[in-house]
């Protein structure tokens, strides 16, 4: 019955390892989603897409809405 004991030890070791990994991870998925949503501060005036910074917003606007005039807040942004 040596294999039975090894199986139990292996399961206990794997469970401890998973618990340590979860503890080190720290943040739950919902907390990560909330933090990511807070980072999206710029909203496209045409399609309402959200972007984290003005550089990305300018690139989006130039690529997705080339016929529209560039908003005033993006004219001085370096892409």
N, C-alpha and C. Protein backbone atom coordinates (compact mmCIF):
# COMPACT_ATOMS: atom_id res chain seq x y z
N UNK A 1 0.81 -1.20 0.00
CA UNK A 1 0.00 0.00 0.00
C UNK A 1 0.86 1.26 0.00
N UNK A 2 2.04 1.15 -0.46
CA UNK A 2 2.93 2.31 -0.48
C UNK A 2 2.39 3.39 -1.40
N UNK A 3 1.75 3.01 -2.51
CA UNK A 3 1.27 4.00 -3.46
C UNK A 3 0.15 4.84 -2.86
N UNK A 4 -0.68 4.26 -2.02
CA UNK A 4 -1.77 4.99 -1.38
C UNK A 4 -1.23 6.12 -0.52
N UNK A 5 -0.19 5.84 0.25
CA UNK A 5 0.42 6.87 1.10
C UNK A 5 1.08 7.95 0.25
N UNK A 6 1.75 7.57 -0.82
CA UNK A 6 2.39 8.55 -1.70
C UNK A 6 1.33 9.46 -2.34
N UNK A 7 0.20 8.88 -2.68
CA UNK A 7 -0.88 9.66 -3.29
C UNK A 7 -1.38 10.72 -2.31
N UNK A 8 -1.57 10.34 -1.08
CA UNK A 8 -2.04 11.29 -0.07
C UNK A 8 -1.02 12.40 0.16
N UNK A 9 0.24 12.03 0.21
CA UNK A 9 1.29 13.03 0.41
C UNK A 9 1.35 13.99 -0.78
N UNK A 10 1.24 13.44 -1.97
CA UNK A 10 1.28 14.26 -3.18
C UNK A 10 0.10 15.23 -3.22
N UNK A 11 -1.09 14.76 -2.86
CA UNK A 11 -2.26 15.63 -2.84
C UNK A 11 -2.11 16.74 -1.81
N UNK A 12 -1.59 16.41 -0.64
CA UNK A 12 -1.40 17.42 0.40
C UNK A 12 -0.37 18.47 -0.04
N UNK A 13 0.69 18.01 -0.67
CA UNK A 13 1.73 18.92 -1.15
C UNK A 13 1.17 19.85 -2.23
N UNK A 14 0.38 19.31 -3.15
CA UNK A 14 -0.22 20.11 -4.21
C UNK A 14 -1.20 21.12 -3.64
N UNK A 15 -1.94 20.73 -2.63
CA UNK A 15 -2.89 21.64 -2.00
C UNK A 15 -2.16 22.79 -1.30
N UNK A 16 -1.08 22.49 -0.61
CA UNK A 16 -0.28 23.54 0.04
C UNK A 16 0.31 24.49 -0.99
N UNK A 17 0.80 23.95 -2.08
CA UNK A 17 1.38 24.77 -3.14
C UNK A 17 0.33 25.70 -3.76
N UNK A 18 -0.87 25.18 -3.99
CA UNK A 18 -1.94 26.00 -4.55
C UNK A 18 -2.36 27.10 -3.58
N UNK A 19 -2.39 26.80 -2.29
CA UNK A 19 -2.76 27.79 -1.29
C UNK A 19 -1.72 28.91 -1.23
N UNK A 20 -0.45 28.56 -1.32
CA UNK A 20 0.62 29.58 -1.31
C UNK A 20 0.54 30.45 -2.56
N UNK A 21 0.27 29.85 -3.71
CA UNK A 21 0.18 30.62 -4.95
C UNK A 21 -1.00 31.58 -4.89
N UNK A 22 -2.10 31.14 -4.35
CA UNK A 22 -3.29 32.00 -4.24
C UNK A 22 -3.02 33.15 -3.27
N UNK A 23 -2.32 32.87 -2.20
CA UNK A 23 -1.99 33.90 -1.20
C UNK A 23 -1.05 34.94 -1.80
N UNK A 24 -0.10 34.52 -2.60
CA UNK A 24 0.85 35.44 -3.22
C UNK A 24 0.17 36.29 -4.28
N UNK A 25 -0.82 35.74 -4.95
CA UNK A 25 -1.51 36.47 -6.01
C UNK A 25 -2.17 37.72 -5.45
N UNK A 26 -2.79 37.62 -4.30
CA UNK A 26 -3.30 38.78 -3.60
C UNK A 26 -4.64 39.30 -4.07
N UNK A 27 -4.77 39.68 -5.31
CA UNK A 27 -5.98 40.33 -5.80
C UNK A 27 -6.91 39.33 -6.46
N UNK A 28 -8.19 39.53 -6.21
CA UNK A 28 -9.17 38.69 -6.88
C UNK A 28 -9.43 39.25 -8.27
N UNK A 29 -10.11 38.50 -9.07
CA UNK A 29 -10.40 38.91 -10.45
C UNK A 29 -11.27 40.16 -10.47
N UNK A 30 -12.24 40.23 -9.58
CA UNK A 30 -13.13 41.39 -9.56
C UNK A 30 -12.37 42.66 -9.18
N UNK A 31 -11.40 42.55 -8.28
CA UNK A 31 -10.57 43.71 -7.92
C UNK A 31 -9.73 44.15 -9.10
N UNK A 32 -9.21 43.21 -9.86
CA UNK A 32 -8.41 43.54 -11.03
C UNK A 32 -9.28 44.24 -12.08
N UNK A 33 -10.51 43.78 -12.26
CA UNK A 33 -11.41 44.40 -13.22
C UNK A 33 -11.74 45.83 -12.81
N UNK A 34 -11.96 46.05 -11.52
CA UNK A 34 -12.26 47.40 -11.02
C UNK A 34 -11.08 48.33 -11.25
N UNK A 35 -9.87 47.84 -10.98
CA UNK A 35 -8.68 48.66 -11.18
C UNK A 35 -8.48 48.98 -12.66
N UNK A 36 -8.72 48.01 -13.51
CA UNK A 36 -8.58 48.24 -14.96
C UNK A 36 -9.62 49.25 -15.44
N UNK A 37 -10.83 49.18 -14.91
CA UNK A 37 -11.87 50.11 -15.32
C UNK A 37 -11.54 51.53 -14.87
N UNK A 38 -10.93 51.68 -13.70
CA UNK A 38 -10.52 53.01 -13.22
C UNK A 38 -9.44 53.60 -14.12
N UNK A 39 -8.60 52.75 -14.70
CA UNK A 39 -7.50 53.23 -15.55
C UNK A 39 -7.99 53.74 -16.89
N UNK A 40 -9.18 53.37 -17.30
CA UNK A 40 -9.72 53.80 -18.59
C UNK A 40 -10.42 55.15 -18.40
N UNK A 41 -9.64 56.24 -18.54
CA UNK A 41 -10.16 57.56 -18.21
C UNK A 41 -10.57 58.38 -19.43
N UNK A 42 -10.11 58.03 -20.61
CA UNK A 42 -10.45 58.77 -21.83
C UNK A 42 -11.54 58.04 -22.59
N UNK A 43 -12.56 58.78 -23.05
CA UNK A 43 -13.68 58.19 -23.78
C UNK A 43 -13.76 58.86 -25.14
N UNK A 44 -13.78 58.04 -26.18
CA UNK A 44 -13.88 58.55 -27.55
C UNK A 44 -15.23 59.23 -27.73
N UNK A 45 -15.20 60.43 -28.30
CA UNK A 45 -16.42 61.20 -28.48
C UNK A 45 -17.32 60.63 -29.57
N UNK A 46 -16.76 59.83 -30.47
CA UNK A 46 -17.54 59.28 -31.59
C UNK A 46 -18.16 57.93 -31.22
N UNK A 47 -17.33 56.99 -30.77
CA UNK A 47 -17.83 55.63 -30.55
C UNK A 47 -17.91 55.23 -29.08
N UNK A 48 -17.52 56.13 -28.18
CA UNK A 48 -17.58 55.90 -26.73
C UNK A 48 -16.66 54.79 -26.24
N UNK A 49 -15.64 54.44 -27.01
CA UNK A 49 -14.64 53.47 -26.56
C UNK A 49 -13.78 54.12 -25.48
N UNK A 50 -13.33 53.33 -24.52
CA UNK A 50 -12.53 53.85 -23.42
C UNK A 50 -11.07 53.50 -23.62
N UNK A 51 -10.19 54.48 -23.30
CA UNK A 51 -8.76 54.29 -23.44
C UNK A 51 -8.03 54.78 -22.19
N UNK A 52 -6.84 54.21 -21.90
CA UNK A 52 -6.14 54.56 -20.67
C UNK A 52 -5.33 55.86 -20.73
N UNK A 53 -4.90 56.28 -21.91
CA UNK A 53 -4.06 57.47 -21.99
C UNK A 53 -4.32 58.23 -23.29
N UNK A 54 -3.90 59.50 -23.34
CA UNK A 54 -4.19 60.32 -24.53
C UNK A 54 -3.48 59.83 -25.80
N UNK A 55 -2.31 59.23 -25.65
CA UNK A 55 -1.59 58.73 -26.83
C UNK A 55 -2.39 57.63 -27.52
N UNK A 56 -2.90 56.71 -26.74
CA UNK A 56 -3.72 55.63 -27.29
C UNK A 56 -5.01 56.19 -27.88
N UNK A 57 -5.57 57.17 -27.20
CA UNK A 57 -6.80 57.81 -27.69
C UNK A 57 -6.57 58.46 -29.05
N UNK A 58 -5.44 59.14 -29.20
CA UNK A 58 -5.14 59.80 -30.47
C UNK A 58 -4.95 58.77 -31.58
N UNK A 59 -4.21 57.71 -31.30
CA UNK A 59 -4.01 56.66 -32.29
C UNK A 59 -5.35 56.04 -32.69
N UNK A 60 -6.20 55.78 -31.71
CA UNK A 60 -7.52 55.22 -31.98
C UNK A 60 -8.31 56.16 -32.89
N UNK A 61 -8.31 57.44 -32.54
CA UNK A 61 -9.11 58.39 -33.29
C UNK A 61 -8.63 58.51 -34.73
N UNK A 62 -7.30 58.54 -34.91
CA UNK A 62 -6.74 58.66 -36.27
C UNK A 62 -7.04 57.41 -37.11
N UNK A 63 -7.04 56.25 -36.49
CA UNK A 63 -7.26 55.00 -37.23
C UNK A 63 -8.74 54.68 -37.45
N UNK A 64 -9.56 54.90 -36.45
CA UNK A 64 -10.96 54.50 -36.54
C UNK A 64 -11.88 55.59 -37.09
N UNK A 65 -11.50 56.85 -36.92
CA UNK A 65 -12.35 57.95 -37.35
C UNK A 65 -11.57 58.98 -38.17
N UNK A 66 -10.99 58.57 -39.29
CA UNK A 66 -10.12 59.49 -40.06
C UNK A 66 -10.87 60.66 -40.68
N UNK A 67 -12.16 60.51 -40.93
CA UNK A 67 -12.92 61.59 -41.56
C UNK A 67 -13.35 62.66 -40.57
N UNK A 68 -13.37 62.33 -39.28
CA UNK A 68 -13.78 63.28 -38.26
C UNK A 68 -12.61 64.18 -37.89
N UNK A 69 -12.93 65.40 -37.43
CA UNK A 69 -11.90 66.32 -36.96
C UNK A 69 -11.38 65.84 -35.62
N UNK A 70 -10.07 66.02 -35.41
CA UNK A 70 -9.42 65.61 -34.16
C UNK A 70 -9.90 66.52 -33.04
N UNK A 71 -10.31 65.96 -31.90
CA UNK A 71 -10.74 66.79 -30.78
C UNK A 71 -9.61 67.70 -30.29
N UNK A 72 -9.97 68.82 -29.70
CA UNK A 72 -9.00 69.82 -29.24
C UNK A 72 -8.00 69.24 -28.25
N UNK A 73 -8.46 68.36 -27.35
CA UNK A 73 -7.55 67.84 -26.32
C UNK A 73 -6.48 66.90 -26.89
N UNK A 74 -6.63 66.48 -28.16
CA UNK A 74 -5.67 65.56 -28.76
C UNK A 74 -4.72 66.24 -29.74
N UNK A 75 -4.94 67.48 -30.05
CA UNK A 75 -4.12 68.14 -31.06
C UNK A 75 -2.67 68.33 -30.65
N UNK A 76 -2.39 68.49 -29.36
CA UNK A 76 -1.01 68.68 -28.90
C UNK A 76 -0.35 67.41 -28.40
N UNK A 77 -1.05 66.27 -28.47
CA UNK A 77 -0.51 64.99 -28.00
C UNK A 77 0.41 64.40 -29.06
N UNK A 78 1.60 63.94 -28.61
CA UNK A 78 2.56 63.30 -29.51
C UNK A 78 2.23 61.81 -29.59
N UNK A 79 1.98 61.31 -30.79
CA UNK A 79 1.64 59.89 -30.94
C UNK A 79 2.87 59.05 -31.25
